[in-house]
Each structure stands twice: as C-alpha cells, then as structure tokens.
All heavy atoms as atom14 arrays in JSON, in Angstrom:
{
  "sequence": "LGKKGEYGILALMPRRAAFLSDPTHKVVFHYTPKHSSWLNQIEIWLS",
  "atom14_mask": [
    [1, 1, 1, 1, 1, 1, 1, 1, 0, 0, 0, 0, 0, 0],
    [1, 1, 1, 1, 0, 0, 0, 0, 0, 0, 0, 0, 0, 0],
    [1, 1, 1, 1, 1, 1, 1, 1, 1, 0, 0, 0, 0, 0],
    [1, 1, 1, 1, 1, 1, 1, 1, 1, 0, 0, 0, 0, 0],
    [1, 1, 1, 1, 0, 0, 0, 0, 0, 0, 0, 0, 0, 0],
    [1, 1, 1, 1, 1, 1, 1, 1, 1, 0, 0, 0, 0, 0],
    [1, 1, 1, 1, 1, 1, 1, 1, 1, 1, 1, 1, 0, 0],
    [1, 1, 1, 1, 0, 0, 0, 0, 0, 0, 0, 0, 0, 0],
    [1, 1, 1, 1, 1, 1, 1, 1, 0, 0, 0, 0, 0, 0],
    [1, 1, 1, 1, 1, 1, 1, 1, 0, 0, 0, 0, 0, 0],
    [1, 1, 1, 1, 1, 0, 0, 0, 0, 0, 0, 0, 0, 0],
    [1, 1, 1, 1, 1, 1, 1, 1, 0, 0, 0, 0, 0, 0],
    [1, 1, 1, 1, 1, 1, 1, 1, 0, 0, 0, 0, 0, 0],
    [1, 1, 1, 1, 1, 1, 1, 0, 0, 0, 0, 0, 0, 0],
    [1, 1, 1, 1, 1, 1, 1, 1, 1, 1, 1, 0, 0, 0],
    [1, 1, 1, 1, 1, 1, 1, 1, 1, 1, 1, 0, 0, 0],
    [1, 1, 1, 1, 1, 0, 0, 0, 0, 0, 0, 0, 0, 0],
    [1, 1, 1, 1, 1, 0, 0, 0, 0, 0, 0, 0, 0, 0],
    [1, 1, 1, 1, 1, 1, 1, 1, 1, 1, 1, 0, 0, 0],
    [1, 1, 1, 1, 1, 1, 1, 1, 0, 0, 0, 0, 0, 0],
    [1, 1, 1, 1, 1, 1, 0, 0, 0, 0, 0, 0, 0, 0],
    [1, 1, 1, 1, 1, 1, 1, 1, 0, 0, 0, 0, 0, 0],
    [1, 1, 1, 1, 1, 1, 1, 0, 0, 0, 0, 0, 0, 0],
    [1, 1, 1, 1, 1, 1, 1, 0, 0, 0, 0, 0, 0, 0],
    [1, 1, 1, 1, 1, 1, 1, 1, 1, 1, 0, 0, 0, 0],
    [1, 1, 1, 1, 1, 1, 1, 1, 1, 0, 0, 0, 0, 0],
    [1, 1, 1, 1, 1, 1, 1, 0, 0, 0, 0, 0, 0, 0],
    [1, 1, 1, 1, 1, 1, 1, 0, 0, 0, 0, 0, 0, 0],
    [1, 1, 1, 1, 1, 1, 1, 1, 1, 1, 1, 0, 0, 0],
    [1, 1, 1, 1, 1, 1, 1, 1, 1, 1, 0, 0, 0, 0],
    [1, 1, 1, 1, 1, 1, 1, 1, 1, 1, 1, 1, 0, 0],
    [1, 1, 1, 1, 1, 1, 1, 0, 0, 0, 0, 0, 0, 0],
    [1, 1, 1, 1, 1, 1, 1, 0, 0, 0, 0, 0, 0, 0],
    [1, 1, 1, 1, 1, 1, 1, 1, 1, 0, 0, 0, 0, 0],
    [1, 1, 1, 1, 1, 1, 1, 1, 1, 1, 0, 0, 0, 0],
    [1, 1, 1, 1, 1, 1, 0, 0, 0, 0, 0, 0, 0, 0],
    [1, 1, 1, 1, 1, 1, 0, 0, 0, 0, 0, 0, 0, 0],
    [1, 1, 1, 1, 1, 1, 1, 1, 1, 1, 1, 1, 1, 1],
    [1, 1, 1, 1, 1, 1, 1, 1, 0, 0, 0, 0, 0, 0],
    [1, 1, 1, 1, 1, 1, 1, 1, 0, 0, 0, 0, 0, 0],
    [1, 1, 1, 1, 1, 1, 1, 1, 1, 0, 0, 0, 0, 0],
    [1, 1, 1, 1, 1, 1, 1, 1, 0, 0, 0, 0, 0, 0],
    [1, 1, 1, 1, 1, 1, 1, 1, 1, 0, 0, 0, 0, 0],
    [1, 1, 1, 1, 1, 1, 1, 1, 0, 0, 0, 0, 0, 0],
    [1, 1, 1, 1, 1, 1, 1, 1, 1, 1, 1, 1, 1, 1],
    [1, 1, 1, 1, 1, 1, 1, 1, 0, 0, 0, 0, 0, 0],
    [1, 1, 1, 1, 1, 1, 0, 0, 0, 0, 0, 0, 0, 0]
  ],
  "atom14_positions": [
    [[94.81, -50.25, -53.54], [94.87, -49.76, -54.96], [95.74, -50.86, -55.74], [95.81, -50.76, -56.9], [95.39, -48.38, -55.02], [94.55, -47.31, -54.4], [95.2, -45.93, -54.42], [93.19, -47.26, -55.04], [0.0, 0.0, 0.0], [0.0, 0.0, 0.0], [0.0, 0.0, 0.0], [0.0, 0.0, 0.0], [0.0, 0.0, 0.0], [0.0, 0.0, 0.0]],
    [[96.59, -51.59, -55.01], [97.47, -52.6, -55.73], [98.9, -52.06, -55.73], [99.25, -51.2, -55.07], [0.0, 0.0, 0.0], [0.0, 0.0, 0.0], [0.0, 0.0, 0.0], [0.0, 0.0, 0.0], [0.0, 0.0, 0.0], [0.0, 0.0, 0.0], [0.0, 0.0, 0.0], [0.0, 0.0, 0.0], [0.0, 0.0, 0.0], [0.0, 0.0, 0.0]],
    [[99.55, -52.69, -56.71], [100.94, -52.3, -56.92], [101.22, -52.05, -58.36], [100.77, -52.87, -59.23], [101.88, -53.46, -56.4], [103.39, -53.14, -56.46], [104.2, -54.19, -55.78], [105.68, -53.78, -55.83], [106.5, -54.86, -55.25], [0.0, 0.0, 0.0], [0.0, 0.0, 0.0], [0.0, 0.0, 0.0], [0.0, 0.0, 0.0], [0.0, 0.0, 0.0]],
    [[101.91, -51.02, -58.67], [102.12, -50.59, -60.1], [102.84, -51.78, -60.76], [103.92, -52.26, -60.32], [102.86, -49.37, -60.14], [103.16, -48.83, -61.6], [103.81, -47.5, -61.56], [104.05, -47.01, -62.94], [104.79, -45.78, -63.0], [0.0, 0.0, 0.0], [0.0, 0.0, 0.0], [0.0, 0.0, 0.0], [0.0, 0.0, 0.0], [0.0, 0.0, 0.0]],
    [[102.27, -52.2, -62.01], [102.93, -53.2, -62.76], [102.62, -54.61, -62.26], [102.98, -55.56, -62.95], [0.0, 0.0, 0.0], [0.0, 0.0, 0.0], [0.0, 0.0, 0.0], [0.0, 0.0, 0.0], [0.0, 0.0, 0.0], [0.0, 0.0, 0.0], [0.0, 0.0, 0.0], [0.0, 0.0, 0.0], [0.0, 0.0, 0.0], [0.0, 0.0, 0.0]],
    [[101.87, -54.78, -61.25], [101.74, -56.17, -60.7], [100.15, -56.43, -60.6], [99.74, -57.44, -61.04], [102.44, -56.33, -59.45], [103.92, -56.32, -59.64], [104.67, -56.69, -58.42], [104.22, -57.39, -57.54], [105.95, -56.3, -58.32], [0.0, 0.0, 0.0], [0.0, 0.0, 0.0], [0.0, 0.0, 0.0], [0.0, 0.0, 0.0], [0.0, 0.0, 0.0]],
    [[99.46, -55.72, -59.79], [98.12, -56.09, -59.53], [97.32, -54.98, -59.08], [97.77, -53.86, -58.73], [97.98, -57.25, -58.34], [98.47, -56.75, -56.97], [97.63, -56.17, -56.1], [99.8, -56.88, -56.69], [98.06, -55.79, -54.91], [100.29, -56.44, -55.48], [99.35, -55.94, -54.53], [99.89, -55.48, -53.4], [0.0, 0.0, 0.0], [0.0, 0.0, 0.0]],
    [[95.97, -55.1, -59.1], [94.98, -54.0, -58.72], [94.78, -52.9, -59.71], [95.32, -52.99, -60.82], [0.0, 0.0, 0.0], [0.0, 0.0, 0.0], [0.0, 0.0, 0.0], [0.0, 0.0, 0.0], [0.0, 0.0, 0.0], [0.0, 0.0, 0.0], [0.0, 0.0, 0.0], [0.0, 0.0, 0.0], [0.0, 0.0, 0.0], [0.0, 0.0, 0.0]],
    [[94.21, -51.86, -59.22], [94.11, -50.6, -60.0], [95.37, -50.14, -60.65], [95.46, -49.59, -61.77], [93.31, -49.6, -59.26], [91.95, -50.04, -58.91], [93.27, -48.28, -60.01], [91.14, -49.16, -57.92], [0.0, 0.0, 0.0], [0.0, 0.0, 0.0], [0.0, 0.0, 0.0], [0.0, 0.0, 0.0], [0.0, 0.0, 0.0], [0.0, 0.0, 0.0]],
    [[96.42, -50.13, -59.8], [97.76, -49.5, -60.29], [98.49, -50.42, -61.2], [99.45, -49.98, -61.89], [98.57, -49.35, -59.03], [98.01, -48.3, -58.08], [98.91, -48.19, -56.82], [97.93, -46.94, -58.72], [0.0, 0.0, 0.0], [0.0, 0.0, 0.0], [0.0, 0.0, 0.0], [0.0, 0.0, 0.0], [0.0, 0.0, 0.0], [0.0, 0.0, 0.0]],
    [[97.98, -51.59, -61.52], [98.84, -52.6, -62.34], [99.03, -52.07, -63.74], [100.2, -52.13, -64.25], [98.05, -53.92, -62.36], [0.0, 0.0, 0.0], [0.0, 0.0, 0.0], [0.0, 0.0, 0.0], [0.0, 0.0, 0.0], [0.0, 0.0, 0.0], [0.0, 0.0, 0.0], [0.0, 0.0, 0.0], [0.0, 0.0, 0.0], [0.0, 0.0, 0.0]],
    [[98.07, -51.56, -64.38], [98.04, -51.14, -65.84], [97.54, -49.81, -65.98], [96.6, -49.34, -65.33], [97.37, -52.2, -66.59], [97.8, -53.68, -66.56], [96.76, -54.54, -67.27], [99.14, -53.86, -67.03], [0.0, 0.0, 0.0], [0.0, 0.0, 0.0], [0.0, 0.0, 0.0], [0.0, 0.0, 0.0], [0.0, 0.0, 0.0], [0.0, 0.0, 0.0]],
    [[98.06, -49.16, -67.04], [97.59, -47.77, -67.45], [96.04, -47.88, -67.73], [95.36, -46.86, -67.23], [98.37, -47.14, -68.49], [99.67, -46.53, -67.98], [100.67, -45.65, -69.1], [99.54, -44.62, -70.03], [0.0, 0.0, 0.0], [0.0, 0.0, 0.0], [0.0, 0.0, 0.0], [0.0, 0.0, 0.0], [0.0, 0.0, 0.0], [0.0, 0.0, 0.0]],
    [[95.46, -48.73, -68.35], [94.04, -48.72, -68.69], [93.23, -48.71, -67.41], [92.16, -48.14, -67.27], [93.86, -49.82, -69.59], [95.15, -50.05, -70.18], [96.19, -49.75, -69.21], [0.0, 0.0, 0.0], [0.0, 0.0, 0.0], [0.0, 0.0, 0.0], [0.0, 0.0, 0.0], [0.0, 0.0, 0.0], [0.0, 0.0, 0.0], [0.0, 0.0, 0.0]],
    [[93.68, -49.51, -66.43], [92.95, -49.52, -65.13], [93.13, -48.19, -64.28], [92.11, -47.8, -63.72], [93.54, -50.72, -64.23], [93.26, -52.1, -64.81], [93.83, -53.12, -63.82], [93.75, -54.42, -64.41], [94.32, -55.55, -63.85], [94.89, -55.48, -62.6], [94.28, -56.64, -64.41], [0.0, 0.0, 0.0], [0.0, 0.0, 0.0], [0.0, 0.0, 0.0]],
    [[94.23, -47.7, -64.46], [94.47, -46.35, -63.86], [93.61, -45.27, -64.47], [92.88, -44.47, -63.72], [95.87, -45.96, -63.63], [96.79, -46.84, -62.92], [98.12, -46.26, -62.7], [98.98, -46.07, -63.77], [99.82, -46.91, -64.39], [99.95, -48.04, -63.77], [100.57, -46.58, -65.35], [0.0, 0.0, 0.0], [0.0, 0.0, 0.0], [0.0, 0.0, 0.0]],
    [[93.5, -45.33, -65.73], [92.66, -44.39, -66.47], [91.19, -44.58, -66.13], [90.44, -43.58, -65.94], [92.88, -44.54, -68.04], [0.0, 0.0, 0.0], [0.0, 0.0, 0.0], [0.0, 0.0, 0.0], [0.0, 0.0, 0.0], [0.0, 0.0, 0.0], [0.0, 0.0, 0.0], [0.0, 0.0, 0.0], [0.0, 0.0, 0.0], [0.0, 0.0, 0.0]],
    [[90.77, -45.81, -66.06], [89.4, -46.11, -65.73], [89.11, -45.6, -64.35], [87.92, -44.98, -64.07], [89.08, -47.63, -65.74], [0.0, 0.0, 0.0], [0.0, 0.0, 0.0], [0.0, 0.0, 0.0], [0.0, 0.0, 0.0], [0.0, 0.0, 0.0], [0.0, 0.0, 0.0], [0.0, 0.0, 0.0], [0.0, 0.0, 0.0], [0.0, 0.0, 0.0]],
    [[89.98, -45.76, -63.34], [89.8, -45.26, -62.0], [89.75, -43.72, -61.98], [88.87, -43.15, -61.36], [90.94, -45.75, -61.06], [90.82, -45.21, -59.75], [90.07, -45.8, -58.72], [91.55, -44.03, -59.39], [89.94, -45.22, -57.49], [91.6, -43.46, -58.11], [90.78, -44.08, -57.19], [0.0, 0.0, 0.0], [0.0, 0.0, 0.0], [0.0, 0.0, 0.0]],
    [[90.7, -43.0, -62.66], [90.71, -41.63, -62.66], [89.46, -41.04, -63.39], [89.11, -39.91, -63.24], [91.92, -41.17, -63.44], [93.17, -41.43, -62.56], [94.43, -41.29, -63.39], [93.26, -40.56, -61.34], [0.0, 0.0, 0.0], [0.0, 0.0, 0.0], [0.0, 0.0, 0.0], [0.0, 0.0, 0.0], [0.0, 0.0, 0.0], [0.0, 0.0, 0.0]],
    [[88.83, -41.79, -64.27], [87.65, -41.35, -65.01], [86.27, -41.58, -64.32], [85.28, -41.21, -64.79], [87.54, -42.07, -66.42], [88.65, -41.8, -67.2], [0.0, 0.0, 0.0], [0.0, 0.0, 0.0], [0.0, 0.0, 0.0], [0.0, 0.0, 0.0], [0.0, 0.0, 0.0], [0.0, 0.0, 0.0], [0.0, 0.0, 0.0], [0.0, 0.0, 0.0]],
    [[86.47, -42.13, -63.08], [85.21, -42.45, -62.35], [84.48, -41.12, -61.96], [84.93, -40.22, -61.31], [85.5, -43.22, -61.09], [84.3, -43.65, -60.27], [83.29, -42.97, -60.25], [84.42, -44.88, -59.66], [0.0, 0.0, 0.0], [0.0, 0.0, 0.0], [0.0, 0.0, 0.0], [0.0, 0.0, 0.0], [0.0, 0.0, 0.0], [0.0, 0.0, 0.0]],
    [[83.17, -40.92, -62.43], [82.55, -39.72, -62.24], [82.13, -39.48, -60.63], [81.6, -38.31, -60.39], [81.28, -39.71, -63.02], [81.0, -41.23, -63.18], [82.4, -41.88, -63.18], [0.0, 0.0, 0.0], [0.0, 0.0, 0.0], [0.0, 0.0, 0.0], [0.0, 0.0, 0.0], [0.0, 0.0, 0.0], [0.0, 0.0, 0.0], [0.0, 0.0, 0.0]],
    [[82.3, -40.36, -59.86], [81.98, -40.16, -58.38], [83.08, -39.59, -57.64], [82.92, -39.12, -56.45], [81.54, -41.5, -57.77], [82.64, -42.37, -57.78], [80.36, -42.11, -58.52], [0.0, 0.0, 0.0], [0.0, 0.0, 0.0], [0.0, 0.0, 0.0], [0.0, 0.0, 0.0], [0.0, 0.0, 0.0], [0.0, 0.0, 0.0], [0.0, 0.0, 0.0]],
    [[84.29, -39.5, -58.22], [85.44, -38.97, -57.58], [85.37, -37.46, -57.44], [84.68, -36.77, -58.23], [86.77, -39.4, -58.12], [86.95, -40.92, -58.14], [87.83, -41.45, -58.92], [86.47, -41.85, -57.37], [87.9, -42.8, -58.75], [87.0, -43.0, -57.77], [0.0, 0.0, 0.0], [0.0, 0.0, 0.0], [0.0, 0.0, 0.0], [0.0, 0.0, 0.0]],
    [[86.2, -36.84, -56.55], [86.19, -35.4, -56.46], [86.94, -34.71, -57.55], [86.64, -33.59, -57.98], [86.9, -34.96, -55.06], [87.08, -33.53, -54.81], [87.53, -33.21, -53.55], [87.82, -31.82, -53.15], [86.67, -30.99, -53.32], [0.0, 0.0, 0.0], [0.0, 0.0, 0.0], [0.0, 0.0, 0.0], [0.0, 0.0, 0.0], [0.0, 0.0, 0.0]],
    [[87.91, -35.53, -58.15], [88.62, -35.08, -59.26], [88.46, -36.11, -60.3], [88.74, -37.27, -60.1], [90.1, -34.88, -59.03], [90.87, -34.39, -60.33], [90.35, -33.73, -57.94], [0.0, 0.0, 0.0], [0.0, 0.0, 0.0], [0.0, 0.0, 0.0], [0.0, 0.0, 0.0], [0.0, 0.0, 0.0], [0.0, 0.0, 0.0], [0.0, 0.0, 0.0]],
    [[87.93, -35.79, -61.54], [87.62, -36.7, -62.66], [88.4, -36.29, -63.77], [88.39, -35.13, -64.27], [86.11, -36.68, -62.95], [85.67, -37.65, -64.01], [85.16, -36.92, -61.69], [0.0, 0.0, 0.0], [0.0, 0.0, 0.0], [0.0, 0.0, 0.0], [0.0, 0.0, 0.0], [0.0, 0.0, 0.0], [0.0, 0.0, 0.0], [0.0, 0.0, 0.0]],
    [[89.05, -37.27, -64.5], [89.75, -37.07, -65.72], [89.02, -37.62, -66.89], [88.45, -38.73, -66.82], [91.14, -37.7, -65.71], [92.07, -36.99, -64.61], [91.99, -37.14, -63.27], [92.81, -35.96, -65.05], [92.78, -36.61, -62.38], [93.68, -35.22, -64.15], [93.53, -35.57, -62.81], [0.0, 0.0, 0.0], [0.0, 0.0, 0.0], [0.0, 0.0, 0.0]],
    [[88.9, -36.82, -67.94], [88.43, -37.3, -69.24], [89.52, -37.27, -70.23], [90.16, -36.31, -70.41], [87.22, -36.31, -69.57], [86.17, -36.17, -68.63], [85.11, -36.93, -68.47], [86.12, -35.22, -67.62], [84.43, -36.5, -67.44], [84.95, -35.53, -66.92], [0.0, 0.0, 0.0], [0.0, 0.0, 0.0], [0.0, 0.0, 0.0], [0.0, 0.0, 0.0]],
    [[89.62, -38.35, -70.95], [90.79, -38.56, -71.91], [90.26, -38.43, -73.31], [89.27, -39.09, -73.7], [91.48, -39.89, -71.64], [92.12, -39.99, -70.2], [91.43, -40.66, -69.23], [93.3, -39.18, -69.97], [91.97, -40.65, -67.89], [93.78, -39.19, -68.61], [93.11, -39.96, -67.63], [93.63, -40.02, -66.35], [0.0, 0.0, 0.0], [0.0, 0.0, 0.0]],
    [[90.91, -37.56, -73.99], [90.56, -37.41, -75.54], [91.04, -38.65, -76.2], [92.03, -39.27, -75.92], [91.14, -36.18, -76.07], [92.55, -36.21, -76.0], [90.71, -34.93, -75.44], [0.0, 0.0, 0.0], [0.0, 0.0, 0.0], [0.0, 0.0, 0.0], [0.0, 0.0, 0.0], [0.0, 0.0, 0.0], [0.0, 0.0, 0.0], [0.0, 0.0, 0.0]],
    [[90.24, -39.04, -77.22], [90.68, -40.08, -78.07], [92.04, -39.85, -78.83], [92.35, -38.62, -79.0], [89.64, -40.33, -79.11], [88.49, -39.58, -78.53], [89.01, -38.56, -77.69], [0.0, 0.0, 0.0], [0.0, 0.0, 0.0], [0.0, 0.0, 0.0], [0.0, 0.0, 0.0], [0.0, 0.0, 0.0], [0.0, 0.0, 0.0], [0.0, 0.0, 0.0]],
    [[92.78, -40.7, -79.24], [94.06, -40.56, -79.91], [93.78, -39.89, -81.2], [92.74, -40.0, -81.85], [94.79, -41.92, -80.15], [95.28, -42.53, -78.96], [96.03, -43.72, -79.25], [96.54, -44.38, -77.95], [96.94, -45.72, -77.9], [0.0, 0.0, 0.0], [0.0, 0.0, 0.0], [0.0, 0.0, 0.0], [0.0, 0.0, 0.0], [0.0, 0.0, 0.0]],
    [[94.64, -38.95, -81.68], [94.55, -38.15, -82.78], [93.39, -37.26, -82.87], [92.82, -36.92, -83.85], [94.52, -39.11, -84.07], [95.59, -40.1, -84.07], [96.97, -39.76, -84.24], [95.6, -41.4, -83.96], [97.73, -40.83, -84.18], [96.84, -41.89, -83.99], [0.0, 0.0, 0.0], [0.0, 0.0, 0.0], [0.0, 0.0, 0.0], [0.0, 0.0, 0.0]],
    [[92.97, -36.73, -81.68], [91.94, -35.79, -81.65], [92.25, -34.69, -80.68], [91.38, -34.2, -79.87], [90.53, -36.47, -81.31], [90.67, -36.96, -80.03], [0.0, 0.0, 0.0], [0.0, 0.0, 0.0], [0.0, 0.0, 0.0], [0.0, 0.0, 0.0], [0.0, 0.0, 0.0], [0.0, 0.0, 0.0], [0.0, 0.0, 0.0], [0.0, 0.0, 0.0]],
    [[93.47, -34.12, -80.79], [93.87, -33.07, -79.95], [92.99, -31.73, -80.13], [92.92, -30.97, -79.22], [95.36, -32.72, -80.15], [95.57, -32.26, -81.38], [0.0, 0.0, 0.0], [0.0, 0.0, 0.0], [0.0, 0.0, 0.0], [0.0, 0.0, 0.0], [0.0, 0.0, 0.0], [0.0, 0.0, 0.0], [0.0, 0.0, 0.0], [0.0, 0.0, 0.0]],
    [[92.45, -31.69, -81.27], [91.53, -30.45, -81.6], [90.37, -30.39, -80.54], [89.72, -29.38, -80.44], [90.95, -30.61, -82.98], [90.28, -31.74, -83.32], [90.76, -32.85, -83.82], [88.86, -31.92, -83.2], [89.64, -33.8, -83.97], [88.53, -33.16, -83.62], [87.79, -31.03, -82.75], [87.28, -33.75, -83.65], [86.55, -31.55, -82.84], [86.26, -32.84, -83.24]],
    [[90.03, -31.56, -79.89], [88.95, -31.56, -78.95], [89.38, -30.96, -77.62], [88.52, -30.49, -76.86], [88.41, -32.95, -78.64], [87.72, -33.68, -79.71], [87.51, -35.14, -79.3], [86.37, -33.04, -79.97], [0.0, 0.0, 0.0], [0.0, 0.0, 0.0], [0.0, 0.0, 0.0], [0.0, 0.0, 0.0], [0.0, 0.0, 0.0], [0.0, 0.0, 0.0]],
    [[90.63, -30.89, -77.41], [91.17, -30.42, -76.1], [91.45, -28.85, -76.29], [92.28, -28.42, -76.93], [92.6, -31.13, -75.8], [92.96, -30.94, -74.44], [92.67, -29.96, -73.78], [93.89, -31.84, -73.97], [0.0, 0.0, 0.0], [0.0, 0.0, 0.0], [0.0, 0.0, 0.0], [0.0, 0.0, 0.0], [0.0, 0.0, 0.0], [0.0, 0.0, 0.0]],
    [[90.69, -28.11, -75.5], [90.74, -26.69, -75.6], [92.24, -26.09, -75.27], [92.5, -25.02, -75.79], [89.67, -26.04, -74.82], [88.38, -26.24, -75.28], [87.33, -25.26, -74.77], [87.57, -24.34, -73.97], [86.11, -25.53, -74.98], [0.0, 0.0, 0.0], [0.0, 0.0, 0.0], [0.0, 0.0, 0.0], [0.0, 0.0, 0.0], [0.0, 0.0, 0.0]],
    [[92.95, -26.7, -74.51], [94.26, -26.23, -74.2], [95.15, -26.29, -75.47], [96.0, -25.43, -75.67], [94.87, -26.91, -73.05], [96.1, -26.04, -72.35], [95.43, -28.31, -73.45], [95.71, -24.83, -71.87], [0.0, 0.0, 0.0], [0.0, 0.0, 0.0], [0.0, 0.0, 0.0], [0.0, 0.0, 0.0], [0.0, 0.0, 0.0], [0.0, 0.0, 0.0]],
    [[94.82, -27.18, -76.35], [95.56, -27.26, -77.65], [95.28, -26.16, -78.55], [96.11, -25.48, -79.11], [95.29, -28.53, -78.37], [95.73, -29.9, -77.68], [97.25, -30.06, -77.73], [97.94, -29.32, -78.38], [97.67, -30.99, -76.92], [0.0, 0.0, 0.0], [0.0, 0.0, 0.0], [0.0, 0.0, 0.0], [0.0, 0.0, 0.0], [0.0, 0.0, 0.0]],
    [[94.04, -25.62, -78.49], [93.6, -24.44, -79.21], [94.3, -23.23, -78.6], [94.82, -22.39, -79.31], [92.08, -24.32, -79.09], [91.4, -25.63, -79.84], [91.63, -22.98, -79.77], [89.91, -25.68, -79.59], [0.0, 0.0, 0.0], [0.0, 0.0, 0.0], [0.0, 0.0, 0.0], [0.0, 0.0, 0.0], [0.0, 0.0, 0.0], [0.0, 0.0, 0.0]],
    [[94.34, -23.19, -77.35], [94.92, -22.05, -76.72], [96.52, -22.05, -77.0], [97.04, -20.93, -77.17], [94.76, -22.07, -75.05], [95.29, -20.81, -74.5], [94.76, -19.65, -74.33], [96.62, -20.55, -74.07], [95.49, -18.75, -73.82], [96.75, -19.24, -73.66], [97.8, -21.39, -74.03], [97.91, -18.72, -73.12], [98.97, -20.76, -73.49], [99.09, -19.49, -73.07]],
    [[97.07, -23.23, -77.04], [98.42, -23.31, -77.34], [98.88, -22.8, -78.78], [99.84, -22.08, -79.01], [99.07, -24.76, -77.2], [99.32, -25.11, -75.76], [99.48, -26.64, -75.74], [100.34, -24.35, -75.04], [0.0, 0.0, 0.0], [0.0, 0.0, 0.0], [0.0, 0.0, 0.0], [0.0, 0.0, 0.0], [0.0, 0.0, 0.0], [0.0, 0.0, 0.0]],
    [[97.81, -22.92, -79.66], [98.07, -22.39, -81.11], [98.03, -20.89, -80.93], [98.72, -20.18, -81.8], [97.03, -22.89, -82.05], [95.79, -22.36, -81.79], [0.0, 0.0, 0.0], [0.0, 0.0, 0.0], [0.0, 0.0, 0.0], [0.0, 0.0, 0.0], [0.0, 0.0, 0.0], [0.0, 0.0, 0.0], [0.0, 0.0, 0.0], [0.0, 0.0, 0.0]]
  ]
}
C-alpha cells in the first residue's frame, strides 16, 4: 500500500480516497462533493 506521505496508495489523501471508493472492496466509501452536506442523510438526521 506504500507509506503515508511518501509513495503508493497511502502517499496522498486523493489516492487513499480513490482506493476507499473502489466498488470491488467489501467496504466502499462514497464522498459527497464539498458544500453539499444536504446530500448526506446523517446531516439531515443531525438537524
């Protein structure tokens, strides 16, 4: 996976985000665009 801050998937946050968003993994993360918290249902629940 590499080393955080230096090389590989772990080097940079965009690389880590791309890895975590891979739909073939057992756990997949989907990131909302900036300034669109209204898309995230937990934000609605928090209100």
